[in-house]
Full PDB file with SEQRES, HELIX, SHEET, SSBOND, CRYST1, ORIGX, SCALE, CONECT and MASTER records, all heavy atoms in Angstrom:
SEQRES   1 A   34  PHE GLU THR ASP PRO VAL LEU SER ARG ASP GLY GLY PRO          
SEQRES   2 A   34  PRO GLU LYS TYR ARG GLY GLU SER SER ALA ILE LEU VAL          
SEQRES   3 A   34  GLU GLU ALA ILE ARG PHE ILE ASP                              
HELIX    1 AA1 SER A   21  ILE A   33  1                                  13    
SHEET    1 AA1 2 VAL A   6  SER A   8  0                                        
SHEET    2 AA1 2 PRO A  14  LYS A  16 -1                                        
CRYST1    1.000    1.000    1.000  90.00  90.00  90.00 P 1           1          
ORIGX1      1.000000  0.000000  0.000000        0.00000                         
ORIGX2      0.000000  1.000000  0.000000        0.00000                         
ORIGX3      0.000000  0.000000  1.000000        0.00000                         
SCALE1      1.000000  0.000000  0.000000        0.00000                         
SCALE2      0.000000  1.000000  0.000000        0.00000                         
SCALE3      0.000000  0.000000  1.000000        0.00000                         
ATOM      1  N   PHE A   1      63.673   3.274 -46.817  1.00  0.00           N  
ATOM      2  CA  PHE A   1      64.419   4.206 -45.865  1.00  0.00           C  
ATOM      3  C   PHE A   1      63.899   3.637 -44.583  1.00  0.00           C  
ATOM      4  O   PHE A   1      63.037   2.808 -44.217  1.00  0.00           O  
ATOM      5  CB  PHE A   1      63.819   5.698 -46.083  1.00  0.00           C  
ATOM      6  CG  PHE A   1      62.395   5.668 -46.297  1.00  0.00           C  
ATOM      7  CD1 PHE A   1      61.423   5.801 -45.202  1.00  0.00           C  
ATOM      8  CD2 PHE A   1      61.830   5.643 -47.525  1.00  0.00           C  
ATOM      9  CE1 PHE A   1      60.046   5.879 -45.478  1.00  0.00           C  
ATOM     10  CE2 PHE A   1      60.506   5.649 -47.812  1.00  0.00           C  
ATOM     11  CZ  PHE A   1      59.568   5.663 -46.597  1.00  0.00           C  
ATOM     12  N   GLU A   2      64.796   4.176 -43.564  1.00  0.00           N  
ATOM     13  CA  GLU A   2      64.671   3.836 -42.125  1.00  0.00           C  
ATOM     14  C   GLU A   2      64.388   5.029 -41.269  1.00  0.00           C  
ATOM     15  O   GLU A   2      63.770   6.069 -41.770  1.00  0.00           O  
ATOM     16  CB  GLU A   2      65.945   3.099 -41.555  1.00  0.00           C  
ATOM     17  CG  GLU A   2      66.587   2.155 -42.516  1.00  0.00           C  
ATOM     18  CD  GLU A   2      65.547   0.907 -42.860  1.00  0.00           C  
ATOM     19  OE1 GLU A   2      64.863   0.592 -42.029  1.00  0.00           O  
ATOM     20  OE2 GLU A   2      65.643   0.485 -43.987  1.00  0.00           O  
ATOM     21  N   THR A   3      64.554   4.866 -39.868  1.00  0.00           N  
ATOM     22  CA  THR A   3      64.511   6.126 -39.099  1.00  0.00           C  
ATOM     23  C   THR A   3      65.297   7.259 -39.656  1.00  0.00           C  
ATOM     24  O   THR A   3      66.254   7.075 -40.109  1.00  0.00           O  
ATOM     25  CB  THR A   3      64.770   5.621 -37.595  1.00  0.00           C  
ATOM     26  OG1 THR A   3      63.949   4.816 -37.286  1.00  0.00           O  
ATOM     27  CG2 THR A   3      64.698   6.880 -36.722  1.00  0.00           C  
ATOM     28  N   ASP A   4      64.759   8.439 -39.391  1.00  0.00           N  
ATOM     29  CA  ASP A   4      65.508   9.711 -39.874  1.00  0.00           C  
ATOM     30  C   ASP A   4      65.752   9.624 -41.307  1.00  0.00           C  
ATOM     31  O   ASP A   4      66.832   9.742 -41.850  1.00  0.00           O  
ATOM     32  CB  ASP A   4      66.803   9.977 -39.129  1.00  0.00           C  
ATOM     33  CG  ASP A   4      66.713  10.078 -37.737  1.00  0.00           C  
ATOM     34  OD1 ASP A   4      65.659  10.647 -37.211  1.00  0.00           O  
ATOM     35  OD2 ASP A   4      67.705   9.829 -36.957  1.00  0.00           O  
ATOM     36  N   PRO A   5      64.708   9.477 -42.139  1.00  0.00           N  
ATOM     37  CA  PRO A   5      64.811   9.361 -43.686  1.00  0.00           C  
ATOM     38  C   PRO A   5      65.239  10.426 -44.356  1.00  0.00           C  
ATOM     39  O   PRO A   5      64.967  11.663 -43.853  1.00  0.00           O  
ATOM     40  CB  PRO A   5      63.413   8.911 -43.982  1.00  0.00           C  
ATOM     41  CG  PRO A   5      62.518   9.653 -42.982  1.00  0.00           C  
ATOM     42  CD  PRO A   5      63.225   9.501 -41.623  1.00  0.00           C  
ATOM     43  N   VAL A   6      65.900  10.409 -45.421  1.00  0.00           N  
ATOM     44  CA  VAL A   6      66.282  11.465 -46.489  1.00  0.00           C  
ATOM     45  C   VAL A   6      65.249  11.421 -47.484  1.00  0.00           C  
ATOM     46  O   VAL A   6      65.248  10.371 -48.205  1.00  0.00           O  
ATOM     47  CB  VAL A   6      67.711  11.307 -46.936  1.00  0.00           C  
ATOM     48  CG1 VAL A   6      67.993  12.362 -47.915  1.00  0.00           C  
ATOM     49  CG2 VAL A   6      68.549  11.229 -45.684  1.00  0.00           C  
ATOM     50  N   LEU A   7      64.326  12.471 -47.600  1.00  0.00           N  
ATOM     51  CA  LEU A   7      63.376  12.450 -48.635  1.00  0.00           C  
ATOM     52  C   LEU A   7      63.418  13.653 -49.490  1.00  0.00           C  
ATOM     53  O   LEU A   7      63.997  14.672 -49.137  1.00  0.00           O  
ATOM     54  CB  LEU A   7      61.957  12.482 -47.792  1.00  0.00           C  
ATOM     55  CG  LEU A   7      61.850  11.280 -46.824  1.00  0.00           C  
ATOM     56  CD1 LEU A   7      60.499  11.564 -46.176  1.00  0.00           C  
ATOM     57  CD2 LEU A   7      61.778   9.975 -47.622  1.00  0.00           C  
ATOM     58  N   SER A   8      62.896  13.569 -50.710  1.00  0.00           N  
ATOM     59  CA  SER A   8      62.769  14.755 -51.475  1.00  0.00           C  
ATOM     60  C   SER A   8      61.229  15.288 -51.510  1.00  0.00           C  
ATOM     61  O   SER A   8      60.308  14.541 -51.797  1.00  0.00           O  
ATOM     62  CB  SER A   8      63.056  14.282 -52.934  1.00  0.00           C  
ATOM     63  OG  SER A   8      62.781  15.253 -53.931  1.00  0.00           O  
ATOM     64  N   ARG A   9      61.141  16.608 -51.250  1.00  0.00           N  
ATOM     65  CA  ARG A   9      59.856  17.263 -51.412  1.00  0.00           C  
ATOM     66  C   ARG A   9      59.683  17.773 -52.734  1.00  0.00           C  
ATOM     67  O   ARG A   9      60.447  18.663 -53.277  1.00  0.00           O  
ATOM     68  CB  ARG A   9      59.719  18.316 -50.331  1.00  0.00           C  
ATOM     69  CG  ARG A   9      58.400  18.928 -50.233  1.00  0.00           C  
ATOM     70  CD  ARG A   9      58.150  20.005 -49.162  1.00  0.00           C  
ATOM     71  NE  ARG A   9      58.469  19.462 -47.937  1.00  0.00           N  
ATOM     72  CZ  ARG A   9      57.479  18.949 -47.087  1.00  0.00           C  
ATOM     73  NH1 ARG A   9      56.277  18.683 -47.642  1.00  0.00           N  
ATOM     74  NH2 ARG A   9      57.798  18.409 -45.864  1.00  0.00           N  
ATOM     75  N   ASP A  10      58.603  17.344 -53.480  1.00  0.00           N  
ATOM     76  CA  ASP A  10      58.272  17.912 -54.809  1.00  0.00           C  
ATOM     77  C   ASP A  10      59.582  17.891 -55.721  1.00  0.00           C  
ATOM     78  O   ASP A  10      59.680  18.702 -56.572  1.00  0.00           O  
ATOM     79  CB  ASP A  10      57.632  19.281 -54.703  1.00  0.00           C  
ATOM     80  CG  ASP A  10      56.330  19.289 -53.819  1.00  0.00           C  
ATOM     81  OD1 ASP A  10      55.823  18.264 -53.861  1.00  0.00           O  
ATOM     82  OD2 ASP A  10      56.031  20.376 -53.371  1.00  0.00           O  
ATOM     83  N   GLY A  11      60.289  16.818 -55.600  1.00  0.00           N  
ATOM     84  CA  GLY A  11      61.436  16.603 -56.522  1.00  0.00           C  
ATOM     85  C   GLY A  11      62.622  17.542 -56.261  1.00  0.00           C  
ATOM     86  O   GLY A  11      63.559  17.436 -57.105  1.00  0.00           O  
ATOM     87  N   GLY A  12      62.750  18.229 -55.236  1.00  0.00           N  
ATOM     88  CA  GLY A  12      63.829  18.969 -54.886  1.00  0.00           C  
ATOM     89  C   GLY A  12      64.890  18.208 -54.139  1.00  0.00           C  
ATOM     90  O   GLY A  12      64.871  16.936 -54.072  1.00  0.00           O  
ATOM     91  N   PRO A  13      66.033  18.927 -53.889  1.00  0.00           N  
ATOM     92  CA  PRO A  13      67.276  18.254 -53.213  1.00  0.00           C  
ATOM     93  C   PRO A  13      66.691  17.508 -51.998  1.00  0.00           C  
ATOM     94  O   PRO A  13      65.927  17.876 -51.158  1.00  0.00           O  
ATOM     95  CB  PRO A  13      68.153  19.399 -52.822  1.00  0.00           C  
ATOM     96  CG  PRO A  13      67.648  20.546 -53.705  1.00  0.00           C  
ATOM     97  CD  PRO A  13      66.220  20.402 -53.909  1.00  0.00           C  
ATOM     98  N   PRO A  14      67.385  16.277 -51.674  1.00  0.00           N  
ATOM     99  CA  PRO A  14      66.874  15.407 -50.571  1.00  0.00           C  
ATOM    100  C   PRO A  14      67.336  16.148 -49.228  1.00  0.00           C  
ATOM    101  O   PRO A  14      68.351  16.915 -49.164  1.00  0.00           O  
ATOM    102  CB  PRO A  14      67.776  14.275 -50.784  1.00  0.00           C  
ATOM    103  CG  PRO A  14      68.079  14.114 -52.291  1.00  0.00           C  
ATOM    104  CD  PRO A  14      68.209  15.433 -52.647  1.00  0.00           C  
ATOM    105  N   GLU A  15      66.430  15.903 -48.219  1.00  0.00           N  
ATOM    106  CA  GLU A  15      66.606  16.557 -46.923  1.00  0.00           C  
ATOM    107  C   GLU A  15      66.369  15.407 -45.822  1.00  0.00           C  
ATOM    108  O   GLU A  15      65.540  14.559 -46.027  1.00  0.00           O  
ATOM    109  CB  GLU A  15      65.691  17.660 -46.676  1.00  0.00           C  
ATOM    110  CG  GLU A  15      65.717  18.875 -47.622  1.00  0.00           C  
ATOM    111  CD  GLU A  15      64.835  19.828 -47.291  1.00  0.00           C  
ATOM    112  OE1 GLU A  15      64.657  20.304 -46.037  1.00  0.00           O  
ATOM    113  OE2 GLU A  15      64.103  20.403 -48.332  1.00  0.00           O  
ATOM    114  N   LYS A  16      67.094  15.489 -44.734  1.00  0.00           N  
ATOM    115  CA  LYS A  16      66.744  14.520 -43.800  1.00  0.00           C  
ATOM    116  C   LYS A  16      65.711  14.937 -42.849  1.00  0.00           C  
ATOM    117  O   LYS A  16      65.611  16.114 -42.438  1.00  0.00           O  
ATOM    118  CB  LYS A  16      68.088  14.432 -42.809  1.00  0.00           C  
ATOM    119  CG  LYS A  16      67.908  13.485 -41.643  1.00  0.00           C  
ATOM    120  CD  LYS A  16      69.174  13.008 -41.087  1.00  0.00           C  
ATOM    121  CE  LYS A  16      70.031  12.075 -41.844  1.00  0.00           C  
ATOM    122  NZ  LYS A  16      71.139  11.551 -41.090  1.00  0.00           N  
ATOM    123  N   TYR A  17      64.749  14.102 -42.492  1.00  0.00           N  
ATOM    124  CA  TYR A  17      63.652  14.376 -41.665  1.00  0.00           C  
ATOM    125  C   TYR A  17      63.790  13.564 -40.455  1.00  0.00           C  
ATOM    126  O   TYR A  17      64.019  12.221 -40.408  1.00  0.00           O  
ATOM    127  CB  TYR A  17      62.312  13.882 -42.242  1.00  0.00           C  
ATOM    128  CG  TYR A  17      62.004  15.132 -43.411  1.00  0.00           C  
ATOM    129  CD1 TYR A  17      62.641  14.905 -44.592  1.00  0.00           C  
ATOM    130  CD2 TYR A  17      61.081  15.984 -43.173  1.00  0.00           C  
ATOM    131  CE1 TYR A  17      62.280  15.896 -45.617  1.00  0.00           C  
ATOM    132  CE2 TYR A  17      60.784  16.899 -44.158  1.00  0.00           C  
ATOM    133  CZ  TYR A  17      61.378  16.872 -45.384  1.00  0.00           C  
ATOM    134  OH  TYR A  17      61.042  17.681 -46.378  1.00  0.00           O  
ATOM    135  N   ARG A  18      63.865  14.142 -39.213  1.00  0.00           N  
ATOM    136  CA  ARG A  18      64.186  13.432 -37.986  1.00  0.00           C  
ATOM    137  C   ARG A  18      62.993  12.759 -37.419  1.00  0.00           C  
ATOM    138  O   ARG A  18      61.952  13.355 -37.276  1.00  0.00           O  
ATOM    139  CB  ARG A  18      64.742  14.355 -36.902  1.00  0.00           C  
ATOM    140  CG  ARG A  18      66.083  15.090 -37.316  1.00  0.00           C  
ATOM    141  CD  ARG A  18      67.304  14.056 -37.215  1.00  0.00           C  
ATOM    142  NE  ARG A  18      68.556  14.669 -37.549  1.00  0.00           N  
ATOM    143  CZ  ARG A  18      69.646  13.991 -37.667  1.00  0.00           C  
ATOM    144  NH1 ARG A  18      69.670  12.769 -37.412  1.00  0.00           N  
ATOM    145  NH2 ARG A  18      70.736  14.661 -37.873  1.00  0.00           N  
ATOM    146  N   GLY A  19      63.116  11.536 -37.021  1.00  0.00           N  
ATOM    147  CA  GLY A  19      61.982  10.743 -36.405  1.00  0.00           C  
ATOM    148  C   GLY A  19      61.716   9.366 -37.050  1.00  0.00           C  
ATOM    149  O   GLY A  19      62.420   8.897 -37.992  1.00  0.00           O  
ATOM    150  N   GLU A  20      60.839   8.755 -36.446  1.00  0.00           N  
ATOM    151  CA  GLU A  20      60.284   7.464 -37.039  1.00  0.00           C  
ATOM    152  C   GLU A  20      59.668   7.507 -38.417  1.00  0.00           C  
ATOM    153  O   GLU A  20      58.812   8.394 -38.486  1.00  0.00           O  
ATOM    154  CB  GLU A  20      59.416   6.815 -35.965  1.00  0.00           C  
ATOM    155  CG  GLU A  20      59.306   5.236 -36.183  1.00  0.00           C  
ATOM    156  CD  GLU A  20      58.419   4.811 -37.250  1.00  0.00           C  
ATOM    157  OE1 GLU A  20      57.346   5.513 -37.447  1.00  0.00           O  
ATOM    158  OE2 GLU A  20      58.665   4.002 -38.139  1.00  0.00           O  
ATOM    159  N   SER A  21      60.039   6.826 -39.398  1.00  0.00           N  
ATOM    160  CA  SER A  21      59.686   7.227 -40.749  1.00  0.00           C  
ATOM    161  C   SER A  21      58.158   7.040 -41.039  1.00  0.00           C  
ATOM    162  O   SER A  21      57.596   7.905 -41.688  1.00  0.00           O  
ATOM    163  CB  SER A  21      60.373   6.307 -41.661  1.00  0.00           C  
ATOM    164  OG  SER A  21      60.049   4.979 -41.629  1.00  0.00           O  
ATOM    165  N   SER A  22      57.539   6.017 -40.435  1.00  0.00           N  
ATOM    166  CA  SER A  22      56.085   5.963 -40.692  1.00  0.00           C  
ATOM    167  C   SER A  22      55.321   7.061 -40.057  1.00  0.00           C  
ATOM    168  O   SER A  22      54.384   7.559 -40.735  1.00  0.00           O  
ATOM    169  CB  SER A  22      55.617   4.563 -40.093  1.00  0.00           C  
ATOM    170  OG  SER A  22      56.113   3.509 -40.751  1.00  0.00           O  
ATOM    171  N   ALA A  23      55.745   7.568 -38.957  1.00  0.00           N  
ATOM    172  CA  ALA A  23      55.155   8.738 -38.271  1.00  0.00           C  
ATOM    173  C   ALA A  23      55.299  10.004 -39.071  1.00  0.00           C  
ATOM    174  O   ALA A  23      54.305  10.809 -39.153  1.00  0.00           O  
ATOM    175  CB  ALA A  23      55.637   8.838 -36.772  1.00  0.00           C  
ATOM    176  N   ILE A  24      56.463  10.106 -39.705  1.00  0.00           N  
ATOM    177  CA  ILE A  24      56.783  11.234 -40.437  1.00  0.00           C  
ATOM    178  C   ILE A  24      55.832  11.314 -41.713  1.00  0.00           C  
ATOM    179  O   ILE A  24      55.210  12.327 -41.971  1.00  0.00           O  
ATOM    180  CB  ILE A  24      58.156  11.311 -40.933  1.00  0.00           C  
ATOM    181  CG1 ILE A  24      59.283  11.538 -39.717  1.00  0.00           C  
ATOM    182  CG2 ILE A  24      58.521  12.293 -42.141  1.00  0.00           C  
ATOM    183  CD1 ILE A  24      60.578  11.332 -40.078  1.00  0.00           C  
ATOM    184  N   LEU A  25      55.598  10.199 -42.358  1.00  0.00           N  
ATOM    185  CA  LEU A  25      54.774  10.146 -43.555  1.00  0.00           C  
ATOM    186  C   LEU A  25      53.326  10.533 -43.262  1.00  0.00           C  
ATOM    187  O   LEU A  25      52.659  11.175 -43.855  1.00  0.00           O  
ATOM    188  CB  LEU A  25      54.977   8.753 -44.203  1.00  0.00           C  
ATOM    189  CG  LEU A  25      56.300   8.311 -44.709  1.00  0.00           C  
ATOM    190  CD1 LEU A  25      56.184   7.024 -45.358  1.00  0.00           C  
ATOM    191  CD2 LEU A  25      56.847   9.271 -45.654  1.00  0.00           C  
ATOM    192  N   VAL A  26      52.788   9.980 -42.110  1.00  0.00           N  
ATOM    193  CA  VAL A  26      51.520  10.125 -41.688  1.00  0.00           C  
ATOM    194  C   VAL A  26      51.194  11.467 -41.295  1.00  0.00           C  
ATOM    195  O   VAL A  26      50.188  12.118 -41.684  1.00  0.00           O  
ATOM    196  CB  VAL A  26      51.025   9.147 -40.607  1.00  0.00           C  
ATOM    197  CG1 VAL A  26      49.793   9.688 -39.820  1.00  0.00           C  
ATOM    198  CG2 VAL A  26      50.796   7.656 -41.079  1.00  0.00           C  
ATOM    199  N   GLU A  27      52.110  12.247 -40.628  1.00  0.00           N  
ATOM    200  CA  GLU A  27      51.968  13.678 -40.273  1.00  0.00           C  
ATOM    201  C   GLU A  27      51.902  14.535 -41.574  1.00  0.00           C  
ATOM    202  O   GLU A  27      51.077  15.479 -41.694  1.00  0.00           O  
ATOM    203  CB  GLU A  27      53.099  14.055 -39.336  1.00  0.00           C  
ATOM    204  CG  GLU A  27      52.974  13.543 -38.053  1.00  0.00           C  
ATOM    205  CD  GLU A  27      51.704  13.731 -37.319  1.00  0.00           C  
ATOM    206  OE1 GLU A  27      51.062  14.750 -37.442  1.00  0.00           O  
ATOM    207  OE2 GLU A  27      51.204  12.801 -36.607  1.00  0.00           O  
ATOM    208  N   GLU A  28      52.647  14.087 -42.558  1.00  0.00           N  
ATOM    209  CA  GLU A  28      52.651  14.945 -43.849  1.00  0.00           C  
ATOM    210  C   GLU A  28      51.421  14.712 -44.474  1.00  0.00           C  
ATOM    211  O   GLU A  28      50.844  15.558 -45.040  1.00  0.00           O  
ATOM    212  CB  GLU A  28      53.887  14.453 -44.682  1.00  0.00           C  
ATOM    213  CG  GLU A  28      55.257  14.937 -44.260  1.00  0.00           C  
ATOM    214  CD  GLU A  28      55.480  16.401 -44.585  1.00  0.00           C  
ATOM    215  OE1 GLU A  28      54.814  16.863 -45.449  1.00  0.00           O  
ATOM    216  OE2 GLU A  28      56.344  16.999 -43.832  1.00  0.00           O  
ATOM    217  N   ALA A  29      50.969  13.349 -44.536  1.00  0.00           N  
ATOM    218  CA  ALA A  29      49.663  13.027 -45.149  1.00  0.00           C  
ATOM    219  C   ALA A  29      48.482  13.774 -44.337  1.00  0.00           C  
ATOM    220  O   ALA A  29      47.583  14.293 -45.106  1.00  0.00           O  
ATOM    221  CB  ALA A  29      49.458  11.540 -45.102  1.00  0.00           C  
ATOM    222  N   ILE A  30      48.493  13.870 -43.186  1.00  0.00           N  
ATOM    223  CA  ILE A  30      47.499  14.636 -42.449  1.00  0.00           C  
ATOM    224  C   ILE A  30      47.411  16.070 -42.814  1.00  0.00           C  
ATOM    225  O   ILE A  30      46.384  16.752 -43.158  1.00  0.00           O  
ATOM    226  CB  ILE A  30      47.681  14.436 -40.927  1.00  0.00           C  
ATOM    227  CG1 ILE A  30      47.247  12.980 -40.544  1.00  0.00           C  
ATOM    228  CG2 ILE A  30      46.844  15.571 -40.138  1.00  0.00           C  
ATOM    229  CD1 ILE A  30      47.567  12.796 -38.933  1.00  0.00           C  
ATOM    230  N   ARG A  31      48.547  16.690 -43.020  1.00  0.00           N  
ATOM    231  CA  ARG A  31      48.622  18.013 -43.414  1.00  0.00           C  
ATOM    232  C   ARG A  31      48.050  18.141 -44.785  1.00  0.00           C  
ATOM    233  O   ARG A  31      47.425  19.239 -45.107  1.00  0.00           O  
ATOM    234  CB  ARG A  31      49.981  18.602 -43.405  1.00  0.00           C  
ATOM    235  CG  ARG A  31      50.460  18.940 -41.842  1.00  0.00           C  
ATOM    236  CD  ARG A  31      51.780  19.775 -41.964  1.00  0.00           C  
ATOM    237  NE  ARG A  31      52.916  19.090 -42.221  1.00  0.00           N  
ATOM    238  CZ  ARG A  31      53.593  18.352 -41.211  1.00  0.00           C  
ATOM    239  NH1 ARG A  31      53.288  18.390 -39.963  1.00  0.00           N  
ATOM    240  NH2 ARG A  31      54.625  17.597 -41.640  1.00  0.00           N  
ATOM    241  N   PHE A  32      48.360  17.202 -45.624  1.00  0.00           N  
ATOM    242  CA  PHE A  32      47.806  17.408 -47.031  1.00  0.00           C  
ATOM    243  C   PHE A  32      46.303  17.200 -47.047  1.00  0.00           C  
ATOM    244  O   PHE A  32      45.709  17.915 -47.820  1.00  0.00           O  
ATOM    245  CB  PHE A  32      48.570  16.193 -47.844  1.00  0.00           C  
ATOM    246  CG  PHE A  32      47.951  16.038 -49.186  1.00  0.00           C  
ATOM    247  CD1 PHE A  32      48.405  16.964 -50.235  1.00  0.00           C  
ATOM    248  CD2 PHE A  32      47.177  15.018 -49.566  1.00  0.00           C  
ATOM    249  CE1 PHE A  32      47.766  16.803 -51.503  1.00  0.00           C  
ATOM    250  CE2 PHE A  32      46.630  14.884 -50.805  1.00  0.00           C  
ATOM    251  CZ  PHE A  32      46.999  15.697 -51.821  1.00  0.00           C  
ATOM    252  N   ILE A  33      45.842  16.325 -46.337  1.00  0.00           N  
ATOM    253  CA  ILE A  33      44.304  15.965 -46.278  1.00  0.00           C  
ATOM    254  C   ILE A  33      43.660  17.237 -45.805  1.00  0.00           C  
ATOM    255  O   ILE A  33      42.645  17.713 -46.298  1.00  0.00           O  
ATOM    256  CB  ILE A  33      44.025  14.814 -45.446  1.00  0.00           C  
ATOM    257  CG1 ILE A  33      44.588  13.603 -46.127  1.00  0.00           C  
ATOM    258  CG2 ILE A  33      42.492  14.768 -45.157  1.00  0.00           C  
ATOM    259  CD1 ILE A  33      44.471  12.315 -45.285  1.00  0.00           C  
ATOM    260  N   ASP A  34      44.186  17.885 -44.704  1.00  0.00           N  
ATOM    261  CA  ASP A  34      43.627  19.110 -44.107  1.00  0.00           C  
ATOM    262  C   ASP A  34      43.572  20.182 -45.026  1.00  0.00           C  
ATOM    263  O   ASP A  34      42.680  20.968 -45.123  1.00  0.00           O  
ATOM    264  CB  ASP A  34      44.398  19.429 -42.823  1.00  0.00           C  
ATOM    265  CG  ASP A  34      44.009  18.534 -41.615  1.00  0.00           C  
ATOM    266  OD1 ASP A  34      43.075  17.728 -41.752  1.00  0.00           O  
ATOM    267  OD2 ASP A  34      44.697  18.648 -40.730  1.00  0.00           O  
TER     268      ASP A  34                                                      
MASTER        0    0    0    1    2    0    0    6  267    1    0    3          
END                                                                             
């Protein structure tokens, strides 16, 4: 995937997430770790 990736959360319908993809993943990971 590239910028503004379309991702599936917990296997649900794909949704577009706005932003640079690596930054999006890291923010999600940070929330998960917290």
